[in-house]
Amino acid sequence: MNRRLFRKLELWGGLVVFAIAAFLHFFYDLTGGSVLGTLLGSVNESVWEHMKIFSIAYVIYAAIEYLWARPPFRAFVVAKTIGMYFLAIGIAVFYYTYTFFTGKPVLAVDLISGLVFSFLAHLVSLRIVSGTHNTARYYQTAVILFLLAFAMILCFSYFPPKSELFRDVVTGTYGAIPSVPDEGAVFLDGHHHSS
């Protein structure tokens, strides 16, 4: 492993992941609500969708890091899985903590927190990969947790649970918002009468 390069990539990672996540925030709209846009982009303004785009951005950048610096694979998978969960959960916990006091979200605070937790997640993974502990022994657990996270990412944009985490803070709806609101209203109205 090229330790110096890996350290540099990790330190730059916070900024790059933030930039990728910012792009993914608009990816759903840019693709016209395509399947790829739904799976990778933010389909609404819920906390979950922001956790999702940051997690995907983190994994995209992790793949670049691995191909470039070639860190020990098993330790790297453990480190990046922990980092991904730290990033996503950190964003959510911070959001609910500060909005408890403010009563509403503040865009600047959300942006800063995404950037800060992105940097912290990379510091966590750098510490794990560079540490002396045998983290590779947790490889199988990390793979299971990683697959679980991506199973949720693949499912919940299409089938979001009706909980606060998945509720669009702007519209109060769940999941992908129809590009033409009237079509969505007609669908929902028809679905309501048929049930």
Protein backbone atom coordinates (compact mmCIF):
# COMPACT_ATOMS: atom_id res chain seq x y z
CA MET A 1 0.00 0.00 0.00
CA ASN A 2 1.15 3.52 -0.78
CA ARG A 3 0.57 4.95 2.71
CA ARG A 4 1.39 8.54 1.83
CA LEU A 5 -0.97 8.52 -1.16
CA PHE A 6 -3.72 6.82 0.86
CA ARG A 7 -3.44 9.40 3.63
CA LYS A 8 -3.64 12.22 1.07
CA LEU A 9 -6.69 10.62 -0.59
CA GLU A 10 -8.42 10.24 2.77
CA LEU A 11 -7.78 13.87 3.70
CA TRP A 12 -9.17 15.06 0.36
CA GLY A 13 -12.02 12.60 0.62
CA GLY A 14 -14.30 14.79 2.68
CA LEU A 15 -14.40 17.48 0.03
CA VAL A 16 -14.69 15.09 -2.93
CA VAL A 17 -17.51 13.08 -1.34
CA PHE A 18 -19.37 16.29 -0.53
CA ALA A 19 -19.05 17.33 -4.20
CA ILE A 20 -20.27 13.92 -5.46
CA ALA A 21 -23.20 14.01 -3.01
CA ALA A 22 -24.09 17.52 -4.20
CA PHE A 23 -24.24 16.21 -7.77
CA LEU A 24 -26.31 13.17 -6.72
CA HIS A 25 -28.75 15.52 -4.98
CA PHE A 26 -29.84 16.72 -8.43
CA PHE A 27 -29.22 13.46 -10.31
CA TYR A 28 -32.84 12.24 -10.02
CA ASP A 29 -34.15 15.41 -11.66
CA LEU A 30 -31.35 15.50 -14.25
CA THR A 31 -32.22 11.96 -15.40
CA GLY A 32 -35.95 12.71 -15.53
CA GLY A 33 -36.70 10.30 -12.71
CA SER A 34 -35.05 7.32 -14.42
CA VAL A 35 -34.39 4.05 -12.59
CA LEU A 36 -30.69 4.94 -12.27
CA GLY A 37 -31.63 8.42 -11.06
CA THR A 38 -33.98 6.93 -8.48
CA LEU A 39 -31.40 4.42 -7.23
CA LEU A 40 -28.46 6.83 -7.04
CA GLY A 41 -30.02 10.27 -6.65
CA SER A 42 -32.08 12.02 -4.04
CA VAL A 43 -35.76 11.53 -4.91
CA ASN A 44 -36.97 13.98 -2.26
CA GLU A 45 -35.79 16.14 0.65
CA SER A 46 -36.10 13.52 3.39
CA VAL A 47 -33.27 12.86 5.83
CA TRP A 48 -33.00 9.30 4.47
CA GLU A 49 -32.37 10.49 0.91
CA HIS A 50 -29.53 12.70 2.14
CA MET A 51 -28.06 9.79 4.11
CA LYS A 52 -28.37 7.75 0.90
CA ILE A 53 -26.56 10.15 -1.46
CA PHE A 54 -23.71 10.69 1.00
CA SER A 55 -23.34 6.91 1.46
CA ILE A 56 -23.27 6.32 -2.29
CA ALA A 57 -20.79 9.17 -2.79
CA TYR A 58 -18.60 7.73 -0.03
CA VAL A 59 -18.56 4.29 -1.68
CA ILE A 60 -17.83 5.73 -5.14
CA TYR A 61 -14.84 7.59 -3.74
CA ALA A 62 -13.76 4.52 -1.75
CA ALA A 63 -13.56 2.53 -4.99
CA ILE A 64 -11.33 5.25 -6.49
CA GLU A 65 -9.13 5.21 -3.36
CA TYR A 66 -8.72 1.46 -3.49
CA LEU A 67 -7.80 1.37 -7.17
CA TRP A 68 -5.29 4.19 -6.69
CA ALA A 69 -3.59 3.40 -3.36
CA ARG A 70 -4.23 -0.36 -3.02
CA PRO A 71 -4.69 -0.57 0.76
CA PRO A 72 -5.15 -4.02 2.37
CA PHE A 73 -8.53 -5.10 0.97
CA ARG A 74 -10.20 -6.66 4.03
CA ALA A 75 -9.14 -3.92 6.44
CA PHE A 76 -10.22 -1.35 3.86
CA VAL A 77 -13.70 -2.89 3.51
CA VAL A 78 -14.11 -2.88 7.31
CA ALA A 79 -12.89 0.73 7.54
CA LYS A 80 -15.12 1.99 4.74
CA THR A 81 -18.21 0.18 6.01
CA ILE A 82 -17.73 1.72 9.45
CA GLY A 83 -17.02 5.10 7.85
CA MET A 84 -20.17 4.89 5.71
CA TYR A 85 -22.39 4.11 8.69
CA PHE A 86 -20.70 6.84 10.74
CA LEU A 87 -21.33 9.37 7.97
CA ALA A 88 -24.98 8.47 7.41
CA ILE A 89 -25.96 8.10 11.07
CA GLY A 90 -23.99 11.22 12.02
CA ILE A 91 -25.88 13.32 9.48
CA ALA A 92 -29.25 12.03 10.75
CA VAL A 93 -28.49 12.39 14.46
CA PHE A 94 -27.12 15.89 14.00
CA TYR A 95 -30.12 16.93 11.87
CA TYR A 96 -32.69 15.77 14.43
CA THR A 97 -30.67 17.27 17.29
CA TYR A 98 -30.38 20.77 15.88
CA THR A 99 -33.91 20.89 14.40
CA PHE A 100 -35.23 19.93 17.84
CA PHE A 101 -34.03 23.36 18.95
CA THR A 102 -34.59 25.38 15.77
CA GLY A 103 -37.94 23.83 14.87
CA LYS A 104 -37.00 23.76 11.19
CA PRO A 105 -34.04 22.83 8.98
CA VAL A 106 -31.46 25.43 8.01
CA LEU A 107 -29.82 24.84 4.61
CA ALA A 108 -26.42 26.27 5.58
CA VAL A 109 -26.27 24.07 8.68
CA ASP A 110 -27.24 20.98 6.64
CA LEU A 111 -24.52 21.70 4.08
CA ILE A 112 -21.84 22.31 6.71
CA SER A 113 -22.81 19.18 8.66
CA GLY A 114 -22.60 17.07 5.48
CA LEU A 115 -19.11 18.38 4.80
CA VAL A 116 -17.96 17.94 8.42
CA PHE A 117 -19.28 14.38 8.76
CA SER A 118 -17.76 13.51 5.39
CA PHE A 119 -14.34 14.63 6.66
CA LEU A 120 -14.83 12.80 9.97
CA ALA A 121 -15.86 9.59 8.19
CA HIS A 122 -12.61 9.66 6.23
CA LEU A 123 -10.59 10.28 9.38
CA VAL A 124 -12.31 7.26 10.96
CA SER A 125 -11.46 5.00 8.01
CA LEU A 126 -7.88 6.35 7.85
CA ARG A 127 -7.43 5.57 11.54
CA ILE A 128 -8.79 2.04 11.09
CA VAL A 129 -6.67 1.17 8.03
CA SER A 130 -3.53 2.77 9.50
CA GLY A 131 -4.02 1.26 12.96
CA THR A 132 -2.28 -1.76 14.42
CA HIS A 133 -5.44 -3.70 15.30
CA ASN A 134 -6.36 -6.73 13.21
CA THR A 135 -9.53 -5.17 11.79
CA ALA A 136 -9.52 -7.64 8.86
CA ARG A 137 -11.07 -10.25 11.17
CA TYR A 138 -14.32 -8.24 11.05
CA TYR A 139 -14.41 -8.50 7.25
CA GLN A 140 -17.42 -10.86 7.02
CA THR A 141 -19.47 -8.75 9.41
CA ALA A 142 -18.57 -5.64 7.44
CA VAL A 143 -19.64 -7.25 4.16
CA ILE A 144 -23.02 -8.20 5.67
CA LEU A 145 -23.53 -4.66 7.01
CA PHE A 146 -22.48 -3.18 3.67
CA LEU A 147 -24.92 -5.38 1.74
CA LEU A 148 -27.67 -4.57 4.24
CA ALA A 149 -27.10 -0.84 3.73
CA PHE A 150 -27.30 -1.17 -0.03
CA ALA A 151 -30.37 -3.39 0.12
CA MET A 152 -32.07 -0.58 2.06
CA ILE A 153 -30.82 2.02 -0.42
CA LEU A 154 -32.19 0.02 -3.35
CA CYS A 155 -35.57 -0.58 -1.70
CA PHE A 156 -36.47 2.53 0.28
CA SER A 157 -36.58 5.09 -2.54
CA TYR A 158 -39.28 2.95 -4.14
CA PHE A 159 -40.89 1.56 -0.99
CA PRO A 160 -40.20 4.01 1.85
CA PRO A 161 -41.51 3.15 5.32
CA LYS A 162 -44.02 5.73 6.56
CA SER A 163 -41.76 7.16 9.25
CA GLU A 164 -40.27 10.58 9.89
CA LEU A 165 -36.85 9.57 8.53
CA PHE A 166 -38.34 9.03 5.06
CA ARG A 167 -40.77 11.97 4.98
CA ASP A 168 -39.96 14.80 2.57
CA VAL A 169 -39.50 17.86 4.82
CA VAL A 170 -40.82 20.13 2.05
CA THR A 171 -43.90 18.30 0.74
CA GLY A 172 -44.65 15.87 3.58
CA THR A 173 -44.76 12.98 1.08
CA TYR A 174 -42.76 9.75 0.93
CA GLY A 175 -40.57 8.32 -1.82
CA ALA A 176 -40.22 9.63 -5.36
CA ILE A 177 -42.29 12.70 -6.09
CA PRO A 178 -44.09 12.54 -9.49
CA SER A 179 -42.65 14.97 -12.04
CA VAL A 180 -46.20 16.10 -12.81
CA PRO A 181 -48.00 16.55 -9.46
CA ASP A 182 -51.46 16.18 -11.04
CA GLU A 183 -50.57 12.71 -12.33
CA GLY A 184 -49.47 11.71 -8.86
CA ALA A 185 -52.66 13.11 -7.36
CA VAL A 186 -54.78 11.18 -9.88
CA PHE A 187 -52.84 8.01 -9.14
CA LEU A 188 -53.12 8.46 -5.39
CA ASP A 189 -56.80 9.34 -5.66
CA GLY A 190 -57.50 6.25 -7.78
CA HIS A 191 -55.44 4.08 -5.47
CA HIS A 192 -57.32 5.45 -2.46
CA HIS A 193 -60.75 4.70 -3.97
CA SER A 194 -59.74 1.24 -5.11
CA SER A 195 -58.55 0.22 -1.65
